[in-house]
Amino acid sequence: MVPLFPIMIAMTLLIIILQVRSMSAMVMVFMTAPLGLVGVVPTLLLFNQPFGINALVGLIALSGILMRNTLILIGQIHHNEQEGLEPYHAVIEATVQRSRPVLLTAMAAILAFIPLTHSVFWGTLAYTLIGGTLGGTIITLVFLPAMYAIWFRIKSPTATLPTENHSTSEGLKNV
């Protein structure tokens, strides 16, 4: 029997590499996948839900949601850089421009899963997706721009002040 999980991971990596055209960006996209656990664990504990197979299926779906958010932000950063923005400003503008669509999409998904919370079978999956999407999306919007700036060594443009020559002889001439 052929193990499908490694094939699935390899195909996912290949698709992401084709989308972002960069190994570094692909690694960055994959690094945001586990951020949803920050929201999943407290949600399952708060609502006294078991961490079973449905929660694991929810985690797989959640990783896709969070990686999609990351792809949207990275795509906007690349677009801003192609438009001529400095890398620092491209990261900031991409985060500002895409925060609302990412948050609205996350809220739509969260609201869509609320009716499933009453299901005996799908309840755990719904709670996993609700908590993970809420926590993971917010953390992704903060974590990704910082990680992108660190990863690609993007520095803040520093304002240079005009330097004045304050030698003693010139100071006396102006008085």
N, C-alpha and C. Protein backbone atom coordinates (compact mmCIF):
# COMPACT_ATOMS: atom_id res chain seq x y z
N MET A 1 0.84 -1.18 0.00
CA MET A 1 0.00 0.00 0.00
C MET A 1 0.89 1.25 0.00
N VAL A 2 0.54 2.20 -0.83
CA VAL A 2 1.31 3.43 -0.97
C VAL A 2 0.91 4.41 0.14
N PRO A 3 1.89 4.95 0.86
CA PRO A 3 1.55 5.93 1.90
C PRO A 3 1.11 7.25 1.25
N LEU A 4 -0.10 7.67 1.54
CA LEU A 4 -0.66 8.84 0.88
C LEU A 4 -0.26 10.16 1.54
N PHE A 5 0.03 10.13 2.83
CA PHE A 5 0.34 11.38 3.52
C PHE A 5 1.58 12.08 2.94
N PRO A 6 2.71 11.36 2.73
CA PRO A 6 3.87 12.04 2.12
C PRO A 6 3.58 12.55 0.71
N ILE A 7 2.78 11.81 -0.04
CA ILE A 7 2.42 12.26 -1.38
C ILE A 7 1.58 13.53 -1.30
N MET A 8 0.66 13.57 -0.34
CA MET A 8 -0.19 14.75 -0.16
C MET A 8 0.66 15.97 0.22
N ILE A 9 1.60 15.79 1.13
CA ILE A 9 2.48 16.89 1.54
C ILE A 9 3.33 17.37 0.37
N ALA A 10 3.89 16.43 -0.40
CA ALA A 10 4.71 16.79 -1.55
C ALA A 10 3.91 17.56 -2.59
N MET A 11 2.69 17.13 -2.85
CA MET A 11 1.84 17.83 -3.82
C MET A 11 1.48 19.23 -3.32
N THR A 12 1.21 19.35 -2.03
CA THR A 12 0.90 20.66 -1.46
C THR A 12 2.10 21.59 -1.58
N LEU A 13 3.29 21.09 -1.27
CA LEU A 13 4.50 21.89 -1.40
C LEU A 13 4.72 22.33 -2.84
N LEU A 14 4.51 21.43 -3.78
CA LEU A 14 4.69 21.74 -5.19
C LEU A 14 3.72 22.83 -5.64
N ILE A 15 2.48 22.72 -5.24
CA ILE A 15 1.48 23.73 -5.62
C ILE A 15 1.83 25.08 -5.02
N ILE A 16 2.27 25.10 -3.77
CA ILE A 16 2.63 26.37 -3.13
C ILE A 16 3.86 26.97 -3.79
N ILE A 17 4.84 26.14 -4.13
CA ILE A 17 6.04 26.66 -4.82
C ILE A 17 5.65 27.27 -6.16
N LEU A 18 4.74 26.63 -6.88
CA LEU A 18 4.29 27.18 -8.16
C LEU A 18 3.56 28.50 -7.98
N GLN A 19 2.85 28.66 -6.87
CA GLN A 19 2.12 29.90 -6.62
C GLN A 19 3.04 31.05 -6.22
N VAL A 20 3.95 30.79 -5.31
CA VAL A 20 4.79 31.88 -4.78
C VAL A 20 6.13 32.00 -5.48
N ARG A 21 6.52 31.00 -6.26
CA ARG A 21 7.76 30.99 -7.04
C ARG A 21 9.00 31.24 -6.18
N SER A 22 8.97 30.69 -4.97
CA SER A 22 10.11 30.89 -4.07
C SER A 22 10.09 29.82 -2.99
N MET A 23 11.25 29.22 -2.76
CA MET A 23 11.35 28.23 -1.69
C MET A 23 11.18 28.89 -0.33
N SER A 24 11.75 30.07 -0.17
CA SER A 24 11.65 30.77 1.11
C SER A 24 10.21 31.10 1.45
N ALA A 25 9.47 31.60 0.48
CA ALA A 25 8.07 31.94 0.71
C ALA A 25 7.25 30.68 0.97
N MET A 26 7.59 29.58 0.31
CA MET A 26 6.88 28.32 0.54
C MET A 26 7.07 27.85 1.98
N VAL A 27 8.29 27.95 2.48
CA VAL A 27 8.56 27.57 3.87
C VAL A 27 7.78 28.48 4.81
N MET A 28 7.73 29.76 4.48
CA MET A 28 6.99 30.71 5.30
C MET A 28 5.50 30.37 5.34
N VAL A 29 4.94 29.98 4.21
CA VAL A 29 3.53 29.59 4.15
C VAL A 29 3.30 28.37 5.03
N PHE A 30 4.18 27.41 4.97
CA PHE A 30 4.02 26.20 5.79
C PHE A 30 4.22 26.48 7.27
N MET A 31 5.03 27.47 7.60
CA MET A 31 5.27 27.78 9.01
C MET A 31 4.04 28.40 9.69
N THR A 32 3.13 28.96 8.91
CA THR A 32 1.93 29.55 9.51
C THR A 32 0.84 28.53 9.77
N ALA A 33 0.97 27.33 9.22
CA ALA A 33 -0.07 26.31 9.38
C ALA A 33 -0.35 25.95 10.84
N PRO A 34 0.65 25.78 11.70
CA PRO A 34 0.33 25.39 13.09
C PRO A 34 -0.12 26.54 13.99
N LEU A 35 -0.20 27.76 13.48
CA LEU A 35 -0.60 28.88 14.32
C LEU A 35 -2.03 28.75 14.83
N GLY A 36 -2.83 27.97 14.15
CA GLY A 36 -4.22 27.78 14.58
C GLY A 36 -4.36 27.04 15.89
N LEU A 37 -3.34 26.28 16.27
CA LEU A 37 -3.41 25.55 17.54
C LEU A 37 -3.59 26.48 18.73
N VAL A 38 -3.15 27.72 18.58
CA VAL A 38 -3.30 28.70 19.66
C VAL A 38 -4.78 28.95 19.94
N GLY A 39 -5.60 28.86 18.93
CA GLY A 39 -7.04 29.04 19.14
C GLY A 39 -7.78 27.74 19.35
N VAL A 40 -7.27 26.64 18.80
CA VAL A 40 -7.97 25.35 18.89
C VAL A 40 -7.98 24.81 20.31
N VAL A 41 -6.83 24.77 20.94
CA VAL A 41 -6.72 24.15 22.26
C VAL A 41 -7.62 24.84 23.29
N PRO A 42 -7.57 26.17 23.42
CA PRO A 42 -8.47 26.79 24.40
C PRO A 42 -9.95 26.61 24.06
N THR A 43 -10.28 26.60 22.77
CA THR A 43 -11.68 26.43 22.38
C THR A 43 -12.18 25.05 22.75
N LEU A 44 -11.39 24.03 22.46
CA LEU A 44 -11.81 22.67 22.81
C LEU A 44 -11.91 22.50 24.33
N LEU A 45 -10.99 23.09 25.06
CA LEU A 45 -11.05 23.01 26.52
C LEU A 45 -12.24 23.79 27.08
N LEU A 46 -12.49 24.97 26.53
CA LEU A 46 -13.58 25.82 27.01
C LEU A 46 -14.94 25.16 26.81
N PHE A 47 -15.12 24.50 25.68
CA PHE A 47 -16.41 23.88 25.38
C PHE A 47 -16.43 22.39 25.69
N ASN A 48 -15.39 21.91 26.39
CA ASN A 48 -15.33 20.52 26.85
C ASN A 48 -15.52 19.53 25.70
N GLN A 49 -14.77 19.73 24.63
CA GLN A 49 -14.85 18.88 23.45
C GLN A 49 -13.65 17.94 23.41
N PRO A 50 -13.85 16.71 22.96
CA PRO A 50 -12.72 15.77 22.87
C PRO A 50 -11.83 16.08 21.67
N PHE A 51 -10.57 15.74 21.80
CA PHE A 51 -9.64 15.90 20.69
C PHE A 51 -9.55 14.55 19.98
N GLY A 52 -10.51 14.31 19.10
CA GLY A 52 -10.59 13.03 18.40
C GLY A 52 -10.28 13.19 16.93
N ILE A 53 -10.75 12.22 16.15
CA ILE A 53 -10.46 12.21 14.72
C ILE A 53 -11.08 13.40 14.01
N ASN A 54 -12.26 13.83 14.45
CA ASN A 54 -12.88 14.99 13.81
C ASN A 54 -12.08 16.26 14.08
N ALA A 55 -11.51 16.37 15.25
CA ALA A 55 -10.65 17.53 15.53
C ALA A 55 -9.40 17.49 14.65
N LEU A 56 -8.87 16.31 14.41
CA LEU A 56 -7.70 16.19 13.52
C LEU A 56 -8.05 16.57 12.09
N VAL A 57 -9.22 16.15 11.63
CA VAL A 57 -9.68 16.55 10.30
C VAL A 57 -9.85 18.07 10.25
N GLY A 58 -10.38 18.63 11.33
CA GLY A 58 -10.52 20.08 11.42
C GLY A 58 -9.18 20.79 11.37
N LEU A 59 -8.16 20.20 11.99
CA LEU A 59 -6.82 20.80 11.95
C LEU A 59 -6.25 20.82 10.53
N ILE A 60 -6.52 19.77 9.78
CA ILE A 60 -6.05 19.74 8.39
C ILE A 60 -6.74 20.84 7.58
N ALA A 61 -8.06 20.97 7.76
CA ALA A 61 -8.79 22.03 7.07
C ALA A 61 -8.32 23.40 7.53
N LEU A 62 -8.07 23.53 8.82
CA LEU A 62 -7.62 24.80 9.38
C LEU A 62 -6.26 25.20 8.82
N SER A 63 -5.37 24.25 8.66
CA SER A 63 -4.07 24.58 8.08
C SER A 63 -4.23 25.12 6.67
N GLY A 64 -5.18 24.60 5.92
CA GLY A 64 -5.45 25.12 4.59
C GLY A 64 -5.98 26.55 4.63
N ILE A 65 -6.86 26.83 5.58
CA ILE A 65 -7.40 28.18 5.71
C ILE A 65 -6.29 29.17 6.05
N LEU A 66 -5.45 28.81 7.00
CA LEU A 66 -4.38 29.72 7.41
C LEU A 66 -3.32 29.88 6.32
N MET A 67 -3.02 28.80 5.60
CA MET A 67 -2.05 28.92 4.50
C MET A 67 -2.62 29.77 3.37
N ARG A 68 -3.92 29.70 3.14
CA ARG A 68 -4.54 30.56 2.14
C ARG A 68 -4.39 32.03 2.53
N ASN A 69 -4.62 32.35 3.80
CA ASN A 69 -4.43 33.72 4.27
C ASN A 69 -3.00 34.18 4.04
N THR A 70 -2.05 33.31 4.31
CA THR A 70 -0.64 33.64 4.11
C THR A 70 -0.34 33.86 2.64
N LEU A 71 -0.89 33.01 1.78
CA LEU A 71 -0.68 33.18 0.34
C LEU A 71 -1.25 34.51 -0.15
N ILE A 72 -2.39 34.91 0.39
CA ILE A 72 -2.99 36.19 0.01
C ILE A 72 -2.06 37.34 0.40
N LEU A 73 -1.54 37.30 1.62
CA LEU A 73 -0.66 38.37 2.08
C LEU A 73 0.66 38.40 1.31
N ILE A 74 1.25 37.25 1.09
CA ILE A 74 2.53 37.21 0.36
C ILE A 74 2.32 37.66 -1.08
N GLY A 75 1.23 37.25 -1.69
CA GLY A 75 0.92 37.70 -3.05
C GLY A 75 0.79 39.21 -3.12
N GLN A 76 0.15 39.81 -2.13
CA GLN A 76 0.00 41.27 -2.11
C GLN A 76 1.33 41.96 -1.87
N ILE A 77 2.18 41.37 -1.04
CA ILE A 77 3.51 41.95 -0.82
C ILE A 77 4.30 41.95 -2.13
N HIS A 78 4.28 40.83 -2.85
CA HIS A 78 4.99 40.76 -4.14
C HIS A 78 4.40 41.75 -5.14
N HIS A 79 3.09 41.88 -5.15
CA HIS A 79 2.43 42.83 -6.06
C HIS A 79 2.86 44.27 -5.73
N ASN A 80 2.89 44.60 -4.44
CA ASN A 80 3.30 45.94 -4.03
C ASN A 80 4.75 46.22 -4.41
N GLU A 81 5.60 45.21 -4.28
CA GLU A 81 7.01 45.39 -4.66
C GLU A 81 7.13 45.59 -6.17
N GLN A 82 6.32 44.89 -6.96
CA GLN A 82 6.34 45.06 -8.41
C GLN A 82 5.83 46.44 -8.81
N GLU A 83 4.95 47.01 -7.99
CA GLU A 83 4.44 48.35 -8.25
C GLU A 83 5.47 49.43 -7.92
N GLY A 84 6.57 49.05 -7.29
CA GLY A 84 7.64 50.00 -7.02
C GLY A 84 7.79 50.43 -5.58
N LEU A 85 7.00 49.88 -4.69
CA LEU A 85 7.15 50.22 -3.27
C LEU A 85 8.42 49.61 -2.71
N GLU A 86 9.03 50.31 -1.76
CA GLU A 86 10.17 49.74 -1.05
C GLU A 86 9.68 48.52 -0.28
N PRO A 87 10.54 47.53 -0.07
CA PRO A 87 10.09 46.31 0.62
C PRO A 87 9.42 46.56 1.96
N TYR A 88 9.94 47.48 2.75
CA TYR A 88 9.35 47.77 4.06
C TYR A 88 7.92 48.27 3.91
N HIS A 89 7.74 49.22 3.01
CA HIS A 89 6.40 49.77 2.79
C HIS A 89 5.49 48.77 2.09
N ALA A 90 6.06 47.90 1.27
CA ALA A 90 5.26 46.87 0.60
C ALA A 90 4.65 45.91 1.62
N VAL A 91 5.42 45.55 2.64
CA VAL A 91 4.92 44.65 3.69
C VAL A 91 3.81 45.33 4.49
N ILE A 92 4.04 46.58 4.87
CA ILE A 92 3.04 47.30 5.66
C ILE A 92 1.77 47.51 4.85
N GLU A 93 1.90 47.96 3.62
CA GLU A 93 0.72 48.21 2.78
C GLU A 93 -0.05 46.93 2.49
N ALA A 94 0.66 45.84 2.26
CA ALA A 94 -0.02 44.56 2.00
C ALA A 94 -0.83 44.13 3.21
N THR A 95 -0.26 44.31 4.39
CA THR A 95 -0.98 43.93 5.61
C THR A 95 -2.21 44.81 5.80
N VAL A 96 -2.07 46.10 5.56
CA VAL A 96 -3.21 47.01 5.69
C VAL A 96 -4.26 46.72 4.63
N GLN A 97 -3.82 46.52 3.38
CA GLN A 97 -4.76 46.30 2.28
C GLN A 97 -5.51 44.98 2.42
N ARG A 98 -4.88 43.96 2.92
CA ARG A 98 -5.49 42.63 2.95
C ARG A 98 -6.05 42.23 4.30
N SER A 99 -5.90 43.05 5.32
CA SER A 99 -6.43 42.69 6.63
C SER A 99 -7.94 42.55 6.61
N ARG A 100 -8.63 43.51 6.02
CA ARG A 100 -10.09 43.44 6.00
C ARG A 100 -10.61 42.23 5.23
N PRO A 101 -10.13 41.97 3.99
CA PRO A 101 -10.63 40.77 3.31
C PRO A 101 -10.32 39.48 4.05
N VAL A 102 -9.14 39.38 4.64
CA VAL A 102 -8.78 38.17 5.37
C VAL A 102 -9.66 38.01 6.60
N LEU A 103 -9.87 39.10 7.34
CA LEU A 103 -10.72 39.03 8.54
C LEU A 103 -12.18 38.74 8.19
N LEU A 104 -12.68 39.35 7.12
CA LEU A 104 -14.07 39.10 6.73
C LEU A 104 -14.27 37.66 6.27
N THR A 105 -13.30 37.13 5.55
CA THR A 105 -13.39 35.73 5.12
C THR A 105 -13.35 34.80 6.33
N ALA A 106 -12.49 35.12 7.29
CA ALA A 106 -12.41 34.31 8.51
C ALA A 106 -13.71 34.38 9.29
N MET A 107 -14.27 35.56 9.41
CA MET A 107 -15.53 35.71 10.15
C MET A 107 -16.67 34.97 9.45
N ALA A 108 -16.68 34.99 8.12
CA ALA A 108 -17.70 34.25 7.38
C ALA A 108 -17.57 32.75 7.65
N ALA A 109 -16.34 32.25 7.68
CA ALA A 109 -16.13 30.83 7.97
C ALA A 109 -16.55 30.50 9.39
N ILE A 110 -16.20 31.36 10.33
CA ILE A 110 -16.57 31.13 11.73
C ILE A 110 -18.08 31.10 11.89
N LEU A 111 -18.76 32.06 11.30
CA LEU A 111 -20.22 32.10 11.40
C LEU A 111 -20.87 30.90 10.70
N ALA A 112 -20.25 30.43 9.63
CA ALA A 112 -20.81 29.28 8.92
C ALA A 112 -20.71 28.00 9.73
N PHE A 113 -19.72 27.91 10.61
CA PHE A 113 -19.55 26.69 11.40
C PHE A 113 -20.35 26.68 12.69
N ILE A 114 -20.93 27.79 13.07
CA ILE A 114 -21.69 27.83 14.33
C ILE A 114 -22.84 26.82 14.35
N PRO A 115 -23.64 26.67 13.29
CA PRO A 115 -24.71 25.67 13.35
C PRO A 115 -24.20 24.24 13.54
N LEU A 116 -23.00 23.95 13.09
CA LEU A 116 -22.45 22.60 13.24
C LEU A 116 -22.05 22.28 14.68
N THR A 117 -21.94 23.29 15.52
CA THR A 117 -21.51 23.04 16.90
C THR A 117 -22.54 22.21 17.67
N HIS A 118 -23.78 22.21 17.22
CA HIS A 118 -24.83 21.45 17.91
C HIS A 118 -24.87 19.99 17.47
N SER A 119 -24.10 19.65 16.45
CA SER A 119 -24.07 18.29 15.95
C SER A 119 -23.21 17.41 16.85
N VAL A 120 -23.70 16.21 17.11
CA VAL A 120 -22.94 15.27 17.93
C VAL A 120 -21.69 14.82 17.19
N PHE A 121 -21.82 14.58 15.89
CA PHE A 121 -20.70 14.05 15.12
C PHE A 121 -19.74 15.15 14.68
N TRP A 122 -20.27 16.27 14.15
CA TRP A 122 -19.43 17.31 13.57
C TRP A 122 -19.10 18.44 14.54
N GLY A 123 -19.57 18.38 15.76
CA GLY A 123 -19.36 19.46 16.72
C GLY A 123 -17.90 19.76 17.00
N THR A 124 -17.11 18.71 17.21
CA THR A 124 -15.69 18.91 17.51
C THR A 124 -14.97 19.55 16.33
N LEU A 125 -15.30 19.13 15.12
CA LEU A 125 -14.70 19.72 13.93
C LEU A 125 -15.06 21.20 13.85
N ALA A 126 -16.32 21.53 14.13
CA ALA A 126 -16.75 22.93 14.08
C ALA A 126 -16.03 23.77 15.12
N TYR A 127 -15.93 23.28 16.34
CA TYR A 127 -15.22 24.03 17.38
C TYR A 127 -13.75 24.20 17.02
N THR A 128 -13.16 23.18 16.43
CA THR A 128 -11.76 23.27 16.01
C THR A 128 -11.59 24.36 14.97
N LEU A 129 -12.47 24.39 13.99
CA LEU A 129 -12.36 25.39 12.93
C LEU A 129 -12.69 26.79 13.43
N ILE A 130 -13.65 26.91 14.32
CA ILE A 130 -14.01 28.23 14.84
C ILE A 130 -12.86 28.81 15.65
N GLY A 131 -12.38 28.07 16.64
CA GLY A 131 -11.30 28.58 17.49
C GLY A 131 -10.01 28.78 16.74
N GLY A 132 -9.67 27.82 15.88
CA GLY A 132 -8.43 27.92 15.13
C GLY A 132 -8.44 29.03 14.11
N THR A 133 -9.57 29.22 13.43
CA THR A 133 -9.65 30.29 12.45
C THR A 133 -9.57 31.65 13.13
N LEU A 134 -10.26 31.80 14.24
CA LEU A 134 -10.22 33.07 14.96
C LEU A 134 -8.81 33.37 15.47
N GLY A 135 -8.24 32.46 16.21
CA GLY A 135 -6.91 32.68 16.76
C GLY A 135 -5.82 32.73 15.70
N GLY A 136 -5.88 31.78 14.78
CA GLY A 136 -4.84 31.68 13.76
C GLY A 136 -4.81 32.85 12.80
N THR A 137 -5.98 33.37 12.44
CA THR A 137 -6.03 34.49 11.51
C THR A 137 -5.44 35.74 12.15
N ILE A 138 -5.81 36.00 13.38
CA ILE A 138 -5.28 37.19 14.06
C ILE A 138 -3.76 37.07 14.23
N ILE A 139 -3.30 35.91 14.63
CA ILE A 139 -1.86 35.72 14.82
C ILE A 139 -1.13 35.79 13.48
N THR A 140 -1.73 35.25 12.42
CA THR A 140 -1.11 35.31 11.10
C THR A 140 -0.94 36.74 10.63
N LEU A 141 -1.94 37.58 10.88
CA LEU A 141 -1.85 38.98 10.45
C LEU A 141 -0.74 39.74 11.19
N VAL A 142 -0.37 39.28 12.36
CA VAL A 142 0.72 39.91 13.11
C VAL A 142 2.05 39.20 12.82
N PHE A 143 2.01 37.87 12.81
CA PHE A 143 3.20 37.04 12.70
C PHE A 143 3.82 37.11 11.30
N LEU A 144 3.00 37.04 10.26
CA LEU A 144 3.54 36.96 8.91
C LEU A 144 4.33 38.20 8.49
N PRO A 145 3.81 39.42 8.67
CA PRO A 145 4.63 40.58 8.28
C PRO A 145 5.95 40.64 9.03
N ALA A 146 5.92 40.32 10.31
CA ALA A 146 7.17 40.34 11.09
C ALA A 146 8.12 39.26 10.59
N MET A 147 7.60 38.05 10.36
CA MET A 147 8.44 36.96 9.88
C MET A 147 8.99 37.28 8.49
N TYR A 148 8.17 37.87 7.62
CA TYR A 148 8.61 38.22 6.28
C TYR A 148 9.75 39.23 6.34
N ALA A 149 9.60 40.25 7.19
CA ALA A 149 10.63 41.28 7.32
C ALA A 149 11.93 40.70 7.88
N ILE A 150 11.81 39.81 8.84
CA ILE A 150 13.01 39.18 9.41
C ILE A 150 13.65 38.24 8.41
N TRP A 151 12.83 37.41 7.76
CA TRP A 151 13.32 36.39 6.83
C TRP A 151 14.09 37.01 5.67
N PHE A 152 13.53 38.09 5.09
CA PHE A 152 14.15 38.72 3.94
C PHE A 152 14.99 39.94 4.32
N ARG A 153 15.26 40.10 5.61
CA ARG A 153 16.12 41.17 6.14
C ARG A 153 15.68 42.55 5.65
N ILE A 154 14.41 42.81 5.81
CA ILE A 154 13.85 44.11 5.41
C ILE A 154 13.97 45.05 6.61
N LYS A 155 14.60 46.15 6.37
CA LYS A 155 14.80 47.12 7.44
C LYS A 155 13.93 48.35 7.19
N SER A 156 13.61 49.01 8.28
CA SER A 156 12.84 50.24 8.20
C SER A 156 13.71 51.33 7.58
N PRO A 157 13.15 52.06 6.61
CA PRO A 157 13.95 53.16 6.06
C PRO A 157 14.13 54.22 7.14
N THR A 158 15.37 54.58 7.38
CA THR A 158 15.64 55.56 8.43
C THR A 158 15.71 56.95 7.82
N ALA A 159 15.11 57.86 8.49
CA ALA A 159 15.16 59.25 8.04
C ALA A 159 16.51 59.83 8.43
N THR A 160 17.21 60.33 7.45
CA THR A 160 18.52 60.91 7.75
C THR A 160 18.35 62.40 7.94
N LEU A 161 18.89 62.90 9.01
CA LEU A 161 18.84 64.32 9.29
C LEU A 161 20.01 65.00 8.60
N PRO A 162 19.78 66.20 8.09
CA PRO A 162 20.91 66.89 7.46
C PRO A 162 21.97 67.20 8.50
N THR A 163 23.18 66.91 8.13
CA THR A 163 24.28 67.15 9.08
C THR A 163 24.82 68.55 8.86
N GLU A 164 25.06 69.22 9.95
CA GLU A 164 25.61 70.56 9.88
C GLU A 164 27.02 70.53 10.45
N ASN A 165 27.86 71.31 9.86
CA ASN A 165 29.23 71.39 10.34
C ASN A 165 29.28 72.46 11.42
N HIS A 166 29.50 72.05 12.64
CA HIS A 166 29.51 72.98 13.77
C HIS A 166 30.93 73.24 14.25
N SER A 167 31.80 73.56 13.35
CA SER A 167 33.16 73.86 13.80
C SER A 167 33.19 75.24 14.46
N THR A 168 34.18 75.48 15.22
CA THR A 168 34.26 76.71 16.01
C THR A 168 34.38 77.94 15.13
N SER A 169 35.16 77.84 14.07
CA SER A 169 35.37 79.02 13.23
C SER A 169 34.10 79.40 12.48
N GLU A 170 33.32 78.41 12.00
CA GLU A 170 32.08 78.72 11.29
C GLU A 170 31.03 79.24 12.26
N GLY A 171 31.04 78.74 13.46
CA GLY A 171 30.08 79.20 14.46
C GLY A 171 30.31 80.66 14.82
N LEU A 172 31.56 81.08 14.83
CA LEU A 172 31.86 82.47 15.14
C LEU A 172 31.53 83.39 13.98
N LYS A 173 31.62 82.89 12.74
CA LYS A 173 31.31 83.70 11.57
C LYS A 173 29.82 84.04 11.52
N ASN A 174 28.97 83.11 11.95
CA ASN A 174 27.53 83.32 11.87
C ASN A 174 27.00 84.20 12.99
N VAL A 175 27.80 84.50 14.00
CA VAL A 175 27.32 85.27 15.15
C VAL A 175 27.45 86.73 14.94
